[in-house]
Protein backbone atom coordinates (compact mmCIF):
# COMPACT_ATOMS: atom_id res chain seq x y z
CA MET A 1 -23.54 -53.59 -1.15
CA ARG A 2 -20.93 -51.77 0.67
CA GLU A 3 -18.85 -49.85 -2.61
CA ARG A 4 -22.76 -48.20 -2.25
CA VAL A 5 -22.50 -46.97 0.82
CA ILE A 6 -19.48 -46.09 0.79
CA GLY A 7 -19.92 -43.71 -1.92
CA SER A 8 -22.96 -42.54 -0.22
CA VAL A 9 -20.89 -41.35 2.55
CA LEU A 10 -18.61 -39.66 -0.17
CA VAL A 11 -21.17 -38.01 -1.83
CA VAL A 12 -23.06 -36.35 1.34
CA ALA A 13 -19.57 -35.53 2.85
CA VAL A 14 -18.97 -33.52 -0.89
CA GLY A 15 -22.53 -32.56 -0.83
CA LEU A 16 -22.00 -30.57 2.69
CA VAL A 17 -18.83 -28.92 2.47
CA PRO A 18 -19.68 -26.03 0.30
CA LEU A 19 -22.75 -25.72 2.33
CA PHE A 20 -20.69 -25.58 5.65
CA LEU A 21 -18.12 -22.96 3.76
CA GLY A 22 -21.00 -20.62 2.01
CA GLY A 23 -20.36 -17.87 0.80
CA PRO A 24 -19.59 -18.78 -3.41
CA ILE A 25 -18.57 -21.87 -3.85
CA PHE A 26 -22.31 -22.85 -2.17
CA ALA A 27 -23.16 -20.73 -5.03
CA LEU A 28 -21.13 -22.71 -7.57
CA LEU A 29 -22.15 -26.08 -6.87
CA MET A 30 -26.38 -24.28 -7.58
CA ILE A 31 -25.58 -22.87 -10.52
CA LEU A 32 -23.55 -26.23 -11.62
CA LEU A 33 -26.69 -28.35 -10.13
CA GLY A 34 -29.49 -26.07 -11.82
CA ILE A 35 -27.40 -26.15 -15.15
CA ALA A 36 -27.46 -30.32 -14.49
CA GLY A 37 -31.48 -30.25 -13.82
CA TYR A 38 -31.45 -27.85 -16.41
CA ARG A 39 -29.97 -29.97 -18.94
CA GLU A 40 -32.21 -33.08 -17.89
CA TYR A 41 -35.49 -31.11 -18.90
CA LEU A 42 -33.67 -29.60 -21.30
CA GLY A 43 -33.25 -33.89 -22.66
CA LEU A 44 -37.27 -34.28 -21.65
CA VAL A 45 -38.50 -32.11 -23.49
CA ALA A 46 -36.13 -32.80 -26.30
CA GLY A 47 -38.48 -36.78 -25.54
CA VAL A 48 -41.82 -35.08 -26.20
CA ASP A 49 -41.11 -32.44 -28.59
CA PRO A 50 -37.13 -31.56 -30.55
CA THR A 51 -39.18 -28.16 -32.10
CA ARG A 52 -39.66 -26.32 -28.65
CA ILE A 53 -35.84 -26.29 -27.30
CA GLY A 54 -34.35 -23.75 -30.04
CA SER A 55 -33.14 -20.96 -28.61
CA HIS A 56 -34.63 -21.56 -25.06
CA SER A 57 -32.26 -23.57 -24.15
CA ARG A 58 -29.30 -20.79 -24.60
CA ILE A 59 -31.95 -18.19 -22.02
CA GLY A 60 -32.59 -20.88 -19.94
CA TYR A 61 -28.73 -21.42 -19.01
CA GLY A 62 -28.18 -17.63 -18.62
CA ILE A 63 -31.54 -17.60 -16.06
CA VAL A 64 -29.72 -20.10 -14.05
CA ALA A 65 -26.89 -18.78 -14.22
CA ALA A 66 -28.36 -14.88 -13.35
CA LEU A 67 -29.79 -16.38 -10.59
CA GLY A 68 -27.01 -18.00 -8.94
CA CYS A 69 -25.03 -15.26 -9.07
CA VAL A 70 -27.17 -12.27 -8.01
CA THR A 71 -27.73 -14.64 -5.06
CA LEU A 72 -24.39 -13.67 -4.25
CA LEU A 73 -23.87 -9.77 -5.64
CA ASP A 74 -27.68 -8.12 -4.67
CA GLU A 75 -29.54 -9.87 -1.23
CA THR A 76 -32.66 -7.95 -1.98
CA ALA A 77 -35.56 -9.45 -3.28
CA THR A 78 -36.03 -6.90 -6.56
CA SER A 79 -33.33 -8.41 -7.81
CA LEU A 80 -34.86 -12.22 -8.17
CA LEU A 81 -37.75 -10.45 -9.12
CA LEU A 82 -36.15 -8.86 -12.05
CA ILE A 83 -35.02 -11.81 -13.21
CA ALA A 84 -38.06 -14.34 -13.03
CA PHE A 85 -39.89 -11.40 -14.58
CA LEU A 86 -36.88 -12.10 -17.63
CA ALA A 87 -36.94 -16.11 -17.30
CA VAL A 88 -40.67 -15.28 -18.17
CA ILE A 89 -40.48 -12.45 -20.90
CA ALA A 90 -37.18 -13.71 -22.42
CA PRO A 91 -39.13 -17.15 -24.12
CA LEU A 92 -41.88 -15.35 -25.70
CA VAL A 93 -39.79 -12.17 -26.54
CA ALA A 94 -36.90 -14.29 -28.70
CA ARG A 95 -40.07 -16.70 -30.25
């Protein structure tokens, strides 16, 4: 039990450092977490219907990375809306 508490405290401490530093370090951490989450999603989809992954996985990784990068480069909502639009249209075009 003691090891779990120590491990949890270390994970929280490591997670708070990028939060307080902000900027590129925080964005990079969010991109990495987004990619890990998307990878989990692809694993779930593959368990249900493996034929649905295909080229969509590459598009998804690109969208996740773009969302993280645009927050550093441009703070307007226009860029985020453009990426959201691409996230909807790109898989349809890739079919």
